Amino acid sequence: MSVAVLLHLPDDVYRALVPVAVKNDTQVHRIIEVSVTKSVRKKKRTASRITDEQLAEIRRMNAEGVSDAAIAKALGVAQSTASRWRGNMGLLPPAPRVGGRQKAVST
């Protein structure tokens, strides 16, 4: 869904946007639309940085059989970050724990 909005721009602002629009082979209203949309939407996360100490902690916890979720929580990073770095180090994920539905289905 999109909504039309009437916008009053000072002449000097419009004139400043015209060369940008021409350079990008578009129109001024499209540049304004994209700029407003980008400023409102949630910013994409940048690649996470992880320290040598955190890498050592991932190795240690993985050797103890701790899940990626628990490792991530302990380090204060996203689960995907912990999982990705574990994989980058060539470590295998811990064995899945059997319980709940898996246990009920297998019996």
C-alpha atoms as a PDB file:
ATOM      1  CA  MET A   1       0.000   0.000   0.000  1.00  0.00           C
ATOM      2  CA  SER A   2       1.226   3.488  -0.715  1.00  0.00           C
ATOM      3  CA  VAL A   3      -0.155   6.873   0.202  1.00  0.00           C
ATOM      4  CA  ALA A   4       0.103  10.064  -1.828  1.00  0.00           C
ATOM      5  CA  VAL A   5       1.500  13.029   0.093  1.00  0.00           C
ATOM      6  CA  LEU A   6       1.508  16.658  -0.984  1.00  0.00           C
ATOM      7  CA  LEU A   7       4.882  18.183  -0.254  1.00  0.00           C
ATOM      8  CA  HIS A   8       5.904  21.811  -0.562  1.00  0.00           C
ATOM      9  CA  LEU A   9       9.628  22.215  -1.203  1.00  0.00           C
ATOM     10  CA  PRO A  10      11.437  25.517  -1.386  1.00  0.00           C
ATOM     11  CA  ASP A  11      12.660  26.259  -4.917  1.00  0.00           C
ATOM     12  CA  ASP A  12      16.320  26.043  -3.925  1.00  0.00           C
ATOM     13  CA  VAL A  13      15.834  22.554  -2.443  1.00  0.00           C
ATOM     14  CA  TYR A  14      14.050  21.345  -5.566  1.00  0.00           C
ATOM     15  CA  ARG A  15      16.758  22.831  -7.803  1.00  0.00           C
ATOM     16  CA  ALA A  16      19.437  21.096  -5.727  1.00  0.00           C
ATOM     17  CA  LEU A  17      17.689  17.749  -6.221  1.00  0.00           C
ATOM     18  CA  VAL A  18      17.296  18.064 -10.005  1.00  0.00           C
ATOM     19  CA  PRO A  19      20.961  17.256 -10.835  1.00  0.00           C
ATOM     20  CA  VAL A  20      20.840  14.263  -8.492  1.00  0.00           C
ATOM     21  CA  ALA A  21      17.703  13.018 -10.241  1.00  0.00           C
ATOM     22  CA  VAL A  22      19.238  13.499 -13.691  1.00  0.00           C
ATOM     23  CA  LYS A  23      22.431  11.710 -12.629  1.00  0.00           C
ATOM     24  CA  ASN A  24      20.375   8.737 -11.365  1.00  0.00           C
ATOM     25  CA  ASP A  25      18.046   8.781 -14.377  1.00  0.00           C
ATOM     26  CA  THR A  26      14.944   9.320 -12.244  1.00  0.00           C
ATOM     27  CA  GLN A  27      12.657  12.104 -11.049  1.00  0.00           C
ATOM     28  CA  VAL A  28      12.884  14.354  -7.996  1.00  0.00           C
ATOM     29  CA  HIS A  29       9.782  12.931  -6.350  1.00  0.00           C
ATOM     30  CA  ARG A  30      11.272   9.433  -6.597  1.00  0.00           C
ATOM     31  CA  ILE A  31      14.471  10.550  -4.829  1.00  0.00           C
ATOM     32  CA  ILE A  32      12.385  12.074  -2.028  1.00  0.00           C
ATOM     33  CA  GLU A  33      10.297   8.898  -1.779  1.00  0.00           C
ATOM     34  CA  VAL A  34      13.357   6.666  -1.496  1.00  0.00           C
ATOM     35  CA  SER A  35      15.039   8.984   1.017  1.00  0.00           C
ATOM     36  CA  VAL A  36      11.996   9.131   3.276  1.00  0.00           C
ATOM     37  CA  THR A  37      11.480   5.366   3.078  1.00  0.00           C
ATOM     38  CA  LYS A  38      15.127   4.668   3.982  1.00  0.00           C
ATOM     39  CA  SER A  39      15.049   7.085   6.903  1.00  0.00           C
ATOM     40  CA  VAL A  40      11.981   5.435   8.414  1.00  0.00           C
ATOM     41  CA  ARG A  41      12.736   1.759   7.852  1.00  0.00           C
ATOM     42  CA  LYS A  42      14.856  -0.193  10.259  1.00  0.00           C
ATOM     43  CA  LYS A  43      18.515  -0.089   9.388  1.00  0.00           C
ATOM     44  CA  LYS A  44      20.106  -3.329   8.248  1.00  0.00           C
ATOM     45  CA  ARG A  45      22.544  -4.809  10.669  1.00  0.00           C
ATOM     46  CA  THR A  46      26.168  -4.577   9.792  1.00  0.00           C
ATOM     47  CA  ALA A  47      28.456  -7.559   9.918  1.00  0.00           C
ATOM     48  CA  SER A  48      29.077  -8.419  13.525  1.00  0.00           C
ATOM     49  CA  ARG A  49      32.519  -8.108  14.969  1.00  0.00           C
ATOM     50  CA  ILE A  50      33.691 -10.752  17.356  1.00  0.00           C
ATOM     51  CA  THR A  51      36.780 -10.697  19.558  1.00  0.00           C
ATOM     52  CA  ASP A  52      39.446 -13.365  20.000  1.00  0.00           C
ATOM     53  CA  GLU A  53      38.159 -13.884  23.541  1.00  0.00           C
ATOM     54  CA  GLN A  54      34.652 -14.518  22.211  1.00  0.00           C
ATOM     55  CA  LEU A  55      36.023 -16.989  19.667  1.00  0.00           C
ATOM     56  CA  ALA A  56      37.844 -18.841  22.456  1.00  0.00           C
ATOM     57  CA  GLU A  57      34.637 -18.879  24.489  1.00  0.00           C
ATOM     58  CA  ILE A  58      32.710 -20.312  21.529  1.00  0.00           C
ATOM     59  CA  ARG A  59      35.324 -23.086  21.199  1.00  0.00           C
ATOM     60  CA  ARG A  60      35.190 -23.857  24.925  1.00  0.00           C
ATOM     61  CA  MET A  61      31.395 -23.850  25.198  1.00  0.00           C
ATOM     62  CA  ASN A  62      31.015 -25.872  21.989  1.00  0.00           C
ATOM     63  CA  ALA A  63      33.392 -28.509  23.375  1.00  0.00           C
ATOM     64  CA  GLU A  64      31.140 -28.709  26.446  1.00  0.00           C
ATOM     65  CA  GLY A  65      28.116 -29.351  24.207  1.00  0.00           C
ATOM     66  CA  VAL A  66      26.453 -25.988  24.801  1.00  0.00           C
ATOM     67  CA  SER A  67      23.882 -25.008  22.151  1.00  0.00           C
ATOM     68  CA  ASP A  68      24.400 -22.096  19.764  1.00  0.00           C
ATOM     69  CA  ALA A  69      21.471 -20.305  21.416  1.00  0.00           C
ATOM     70  CA  ALA A  70      23.061 -20.583  24.868  1.00  0.00           C
ATOM     71  CA  ILE A  71      26.459 -19.525  23.513  1.00  0.00           C
ATOM     72  CA  ALA A  72      24.886 -16.503  21.828  1.00  0.00           C
ATOM     73  CA  LYS A  73      23.078 -15.511  25.005  1.00  0.00           C
ATOM     74  CA  ALA A  74      26.265 -15.804  27.075  1.00  0.00           C
ATOM     75  CA  LEU A  75      28.250 -13.705  24.590  1.00  0.00           C
ATOM     76  CA  GLY A  76      25.515 -11.159  23.916  1.00  0.00           C
ATOM     77  CA  VAL A  77      25.379 -11.820  20.177  1.00  0.00           C
ATOM     78  CA  ALA A  78      22.710 -13.166  17.844  1.00  0.00           C
ATOM     79  CA  GLN A  79      22.315 -16.931  17.590  1.00  0.00           C
ATOM     80  CA  SER A  80      23.105 -16.750  13.885  1.00  0.00           C
ATOM     81  CA  THR A  81      26.374 -14.975  14.717  1.00  0.00           C
ATOM     82  CA  ALA A  82      27.435 -17.670  17.169  1.00  0.00           C
ATOM     83  CA  SER A  83      26.427 -20.388  14.710  1.00  0.00           C
ATOM     84  CA  ARG A  84      28.231 -18.744  11.799  1.00  0.00           C
ATOM     85  CA  TRP A  85      31.461 -18.250  13.743  1.00  0.00           C
ATOM     86  CA  ARG A  86      31.301 -21.800  15.096  1.00  0.00           C
ATOM     87  CA  GLY A  87      31.006 -23.039  11.514  1.00  0.00           C
ATOM     88  CA  ASN A  88      33.790 -20.714  10.332  1.00  0.00           C
ATOM     89  CA  MET A  89      36.085 -22.315  12.904  1.00  0.00           C
ATOM     90  CA  GLY A  90      35.173 -25.769  11.586  1.00  0.00           C
ATOM     91  CA  LEU A  91      33.417 -26.812  14.792  1.00  0.00           C
ATOM     92  CA  LEU A  92      30.482 -29.183  14.571  1.00  0.00           C
ATOM     93  CA  PRO A  93      27.197 -28.204  16.198  1.00  0.00           C
ATOM     94  CA  PRO A  94      26.402 -29.954  19.451  1.00  0.00           C
ATOM     95  CA  ALA A  95      24.296 -33.103  19.166  1.00  0.00           C
ATOM     96  CA  PRO A  96      20.575 -32.331  19.372  1.00  0.00           C
ATOM     97  CA  ARG A  97      19.000 -33.071  22.704  1.00  0.00           C
ATOM     98  CA  VAL A  98      16.227 -35.637  22.578  1.00  0.00           C
ATOM     99  CA  GLY A  99      13.130 -34.706  24.440  1.00  0.00           C
ATOM    100  CA  GLY A 100       9.641 -33.398  24.056  1.00  0.00           C
ATOM    101  CA  ARG A 101       8.023 -34.265  20.743  1.00  0.00           C
ATOM    102  CA  GLN A 102      11.079 -36.088  19.352  1.00  0.00           C
ATOM    103  CA  LYS A 103      11.091 -38.447  22.327  1.00  0.00           C
ATOM    104  CA  ALA A 104       7.340 -39.021  22.116  1.00  0.00           C
ATOM    105  CA  VAL A 105       7.453 -39.806  18.389  1.00  0.00           C
ATOM    106  CA  SER A 106      10.373 -42.215  18.658  1.00  0.00           C
ATOM    107  CA  THR A 107       8.728 -44.406  21.325  1.00  0.00           C
END
